N, C-alpha and C. Protein backbone atom coordinates (compact mmCIF):
# COMPACT_ATOMS: atom_id res chain seq x y z
N UNK A 1 -102.73 38.61 -33.12
CA UNK A 1 -103.93 38.25 -32.72
C UNK A 1 -104.73 39.33 -32.18
N UNK A 2 -105.71 39.72 -33.39
CA UNK A 2 -106.68 41.05 -32.86
C UNK A 2 -107.79 40.46 -32.10
N UNK A 3 -107.74 41.71 -30.85
CA UNK A 3 -108.98 41.41 -29.85
C UNK A 3 -110.22 41.60 -30.56
N UNK A 4 -111.32 41.09 -30.09
CA UNK A 4 -112.65 41.47 -30.56
C UNK A 4 -113.16 42.53 -29.60
N UNK A 5 -113.35 44.01 -30.35
CA UNK A 5 -113.83 44.86 -29.48
C UNK A 5 -114.87 44.42 -28.40
N UNK A 6 -115.90 43.63 -28.91
CA UNK A 6 -116.94 43.29 -28.14
C UNK A 6 -116.54 42.65 -26.76
N UNK A 7 -115.27 41.93 -26.67
CA UNK A 7 -114.81 41.40 -25.37
C UNK A 7 -114.30 42.51 -24.71
N UNK A 8 -113.88 43.34 -24.89
CA UNK A 8 -113.26 44.41 -24.06
C UNK A 8 -114.25 45.34 -23.45
N UNK A 9 -113.99 45.34 -22.01
CA UNK A 9 -114.94 46.17 -21.48
C UNK A 9 -114.08 47.71 -21.21
N UNK A 10 -114.76 48.58 -21.88
CA UNK A 10 -114.25 50.10 -21.69
C UNK A 10 -114.96 50.73 -20.47
N UNK A 11 -114.12 51.47 -19.74
CA UNK A 11 -114.76 51.90 -18.69
C UNK A 11 -114.89 53.37 -19.19
N UNK A 12 -115.99 54.02 -19.07
CA UNK A 12 -116.25 55.19 -19.53
C UNK A 12 -115.63 56.37 -18.77
N UNK A 13 -115.06 57.41 -19.54
CA UNK A 13 -114.16 58.38 -19.08
C UNK A 13 -115.10 59.33 -17.85
N UNK A 14 -114.51 59.52 -16.85
CA UNK A 14 -115.07 60.25 -15.95
C UNK A 14 -114.93 62.09 -16.00
N UNK A 15 -115.83 62.90 -15.88
CA UNK A 15 -115.73 64.09 -16.01
C UNK A 15 -114.99 64.94 -14.75
N UNK A 16 -114.39 65.83 -14.90
CA UNK A 16 -114.10 66.49 -13.56
C UNK A 16 -112.67 67.11 -13.57
N UNK A 17 -111.66 66.52 -14.56
CA UNK A 17 -110.55 66.82 -14.89
C UNK A 17 -109.55 66.64 -13.66
N UNK A 18 -108.07 67.19 -13.81
CA UNK A 18 -107.19 67.02 -12.71
C UNK A 18 -107.52 67.43 -11.41
N UNK A 19 -108.23 68.50 -11.26
CA UNK A 19 -108.60 69.23 -10.04
C UNK A 19 -109.57 68.20 -9.03
N UNK A 20 -110.52 67.49 -9.96
CA UNK A 20 -111.19 66.65 -9.30
C UNK A 20 -110.36 65.35 -9.00
N UNK A 21 -109.89 64.92 -9.81
CA UNK A 21 -108.75 63.69 -9.88
C UNK A 21 -107.73 64.17 -8.44
N UNK A 22 -107.20 65.10 -8.08
CA UNK A 22 -106.32 65.36 -6.81
C UNK A 22 -107.30 65.43 -5.53
N UNK A 23 -108.36 65.82 -5.77
CA UNK A 23 -109.33 65.77 -4.72
C UNK A 23 -109.75 64.26 -4.11
N UNK A 24 -109.76 63.41 -5.23
CA UNK A 24 -109.97 62.06 -5.15
C UNK A 24 -108.88 61.38 -4.36
N UNK A 25 -107.57 61.72 -4.67
CA UNK A 25 -106.46 61.22 -4.40
C UNK A 25 -106.13 61.55 -2.98
N UNK A 26 -106.18 62.96 -2.49
CA UNK A 26 -106.34 63.31 -1.16
C UNK A 26 -107.41 62.60 -0.23
N UNK A 27 -108.70 62.49 -0.92
CA UNK A 27 -109.58 61.79 -0.17
C UNK A 27 -109.15 60.10 0.33
N UNK A 28 -108.61 59.44 -0.80
CA UNK A 28 -108.38 58.27 -0.62
C UNK A 28 -107.07 58.06 0.27
N UNK A 29 -106.25 59.40 0.31
CA UNK A 29 -104.89 59.10 1.11
C UNK A 29 -105.14 59.19 2.64
N UNK A 30 -106.27 60.15 2.86
CA UNK A 30 -106.88 60.27 4.37
C UNK A 30 -107.40 58.85 4.87
N UNK A 31 -107.76 58.05 3.89
CA UNK A 31 -108.55 56.74 4.24
C UNK A 31 -107.23 55.76 4.91
N UNK A 32 -106.04 55.99 4.29
CA UNK A 32 -104.71 55.03 4.44
C UNK A 32 -104.52 54.95 6.00
N UNK A 33 -103.82 53.85 6.60
CA UNK A 33 -103.74 53.78 8.11
C UNK A 33 -102.14 53.65 7.74
N UNK A 34 -101.40 54.77 8.07
CA UNK A 34 -99.84 55.16 8.15
C UNK A 34 -99.28 54.47 9.27
N UNK A 35 -98.04 54.03 9.14
CA UNK A 35 -97.51 53.34 9.96
C UNK A 35 -96.85 54.58 10.70
N UNK A 36 -96.90 53.95 12.28
CA UNK A 36 -95.91 55.13 12.81
C UNK A 36 -94.74 55.27 13.07
N UNK A 37 -94.25 56.02 13.75
CA UNK A 37 -92.68 56.32 13.57
C UNK A 37 -91.92 55.32 14.27
N UNK A 38 -92.47 54.28 15.36
CA UNK A 38 -91.81 53.29 15.79
C UNK A 38 -91.86 52.13 14.95
N UNK A 39 -92.65 51.81 14.11
CA UNK A 39 -92.92 51.04 13.21
C UNK A 39 -92.06 51.20 11.94
N UNK A 40 -91.94 52.66 11.58
CA UNK A 40 -90.82 52.79 10.48
C UNK A 40 -89.58 52.27 11.06
N UNK A 41 -89.28 52.91 12.28
CA UNK A 41 -87.91 52.93 12.76
C UNK A 41 -87.75 51.44 12.72
N UNK A 42 -88.29 50.45 13.40
CA UNK A 42 -88.01 49.03 13.42
C UNK A 42 -87.98 48.53 11.94
N UNK A 43 -88.61 48.75 11.09
CA UNK A 43 -88.58 48.20 10.05
C UNK A 43 -87.52 48.74 9.19
N UNK A 44 -86.80 50.19 9.48
CA UNK A 44 -85.66 50.34 8.79
C UNK A 44 -84.47 49.94 9.22
N UNK A 45 -84.49 49.39 10.42
CA UNK A 45 -83.40 48.72 11.36
C UNK A 45 -83.23 47.43 10.67
N UNK A 46 -84.36 46.56 10.51
CA UNK A 46 -84.36 45.17 10.28
C UNK A 46 -83.84 45.19 8.92
N UNK A 47 -84.25 46.19 7.93
CA UNK A 47 -84.15 46.34 6.59
C UNK A 47 -82.13 46.27 6.81
N UNK A 48 -81.68 47.20 7.46
CA UNK A 48 -80.53 47.52 7.53
C UNK A 48 -79.53 46.15 7.92
N UNK A 49 -79.96 45.67 8.78
CA UNK A 49 -79.48 44.16 9.42
C UNK A 49 -79.58 43.25 8.38
N UNK A 50 -80.53 43.02 7.97
CA UNK A 50 -80.58 42.10 6.51
C UNK A 50 -79.88 42.51 5.41
N UNK A 51 -79.68 43.64 5.23
CA UNK A 51 -78.77 44.05 4.16
C UNK A 51 -77.22 43.76 4.69
N UNK A 52 -77.01 43.85 5.62
CA UNK A 52 -75.59 43.64 6.16
C UNK A 52 -75.26 42.43 6.18
N UNK A 53 -76.30 41.74 6.66
CA UNK A 53 -76.14 39.93 6.84
C UNK A 53 -75.98 39.35 5.23
N UNK A 54 -76.76 39.99 4.35
CA UNK A 54 -76.80 39.68 3.07
C UNK A 54 -75.24 39.83 2.31
N UNK A 55 -74.95 41.18 2.67
CA UNK A 55 -73.58 41.30 2.18
C UNK A 55 -72.46 40.56 2.73
N UNK A 56 -72.54 40.02 3.88
CA UNK A 56 -71.44 39.39 4.68
C UNK A 56 -71.60 38.01 3.89
N UNK A 57 -72.58 37.47 3.95
CA UNK A 57 -72.90 36.06 3.07
C UNK A 57 -72.51 36.09 1.81
N UNK A 58 -72.73 37.05 0.88
CA UNK A 58 -72.47 36.77 -0.45
C UNK A 58 -70.67 37.12 -0.24
N UNK A 59 -70.24 37.88 0.54
CA UNK A 59 -68.52 38.07 0.63
C UNK A 59 -67.91 36.85 0.87
N UNK A 60 -68.39 36.46 1.81
CA UNK A 60 -67.88 34.90 2.18
C UNK A 60 -68.07 33.72 1.05
N UNK A 61 -69.14 33.91 0.59
CA UNK A 61 -69.30 32.81 -0.94
C UNK A 61 -68.48 33.19 -1.95
N UNK A 62 -68.47 34.60 -2.02
CA UNK A 62 -67.49 34.82 -3.24
C UNK A 62 -66.06 34.73 -2.98
N UNK A 63 -65.55 34.92 -1.82
CA UNK A 63 -64.22 34.51 -1.06
C UNK A 63 -63.86 32.89 -1.46
N UNK A 64 -64.64 32.40 -0.76
CA UNK A 64 -64.79 30.76 -1.10
C UNK A 64 -64.62 30.06 -2.41
N UNK A 65 -65.75 30.69 -3.25
CA UNK A 65 -65.50 30.36 -4.70
C UNK A 65 -64.37 31.03 -5.32
N UNK A 66 -63.84 31.88 -5.14
CA UNK A 66 -62.54 32.56 -5.52
C UNK A 66 -61.41 31.86 -5.29
N UNK A 67 -61.34 31.05 -4.14
CA UNK A 67 -60.31 30.20 -3.61
C UNK A 67 -60.32 28.97 -4.42
N UNK A 68 -61.34 28.27 -4.20
CA UNK A 68 -61.50 26.99 -4.97
C UNK A 68 -61.47 27.21 -6.41
N UNK A 69 -61.73 28.17 -7.27
CA UNK A 69 -61.39 28.42 -8.53
C UNK A 69 -59.77 28.46 -8.85
N UNK A 70 -59.31 29.35 -7.90
CA UNK A 70 -57.68 29.21 -8.37
C UNK A 70 -57.19 28.25 -7.63
N UNK A 71 -57.51 27.36 -6.91
CA UNK A 71 -56.93 26.17 -6.53
C UNK A 71 -57.14 25.31 -7.67
N UNK A 72 -58.41 25.20 -8.41
CA UNK A 72 -58.71 24.39 -9.68
C UNK A 72 -57.63 24.66 -10.78
N UNK A 73 -57.56 26.15 -10.97
CA UNK A 73 -57.01 26.55 -11.82
C UNK A 73 -55.25 26.34 -11.77
N UNK A 74 -54.94 26.29 -10.73
CA UNK A 74 -53.41 26.12 -10.19
C UNK A 74 -53.10 24.62 -10.41
N UNK A 75 -54.05 23.80 -10.41
CA UNK A 75 -53.64 22.65 -10.47
C UNK A 75 -53.18 22.06 -11.84
N UNK A 76 -53.72 22.75 -12.88
CA UNK A 76 -53.45 22.63 -14.27
C UNK A 76 -52.22 23.07 -14.59
N UNK A 77 -51.17 23.64 -14.10
CA UNK A 77 -49.73 24.08 -14.26
C UNK A 77 -48.83 23.36 -13.71
């Protein structure tokens, strides 16, 4: 399907080059509200806790599934 070029809105290319681009990037980065050290620490701890919980959950599910499958397969013998 070919698109009609009249339907496309093409943004004009800005002048300034890479140096202007990096100046704008730095200016935008200054506007960001960065997380505090304590917020990052709490977030990291929460992620680690949920990772361990998920690992334990999947370990238990995998062990139970393995046990049930072995039980079913041993009935056939």
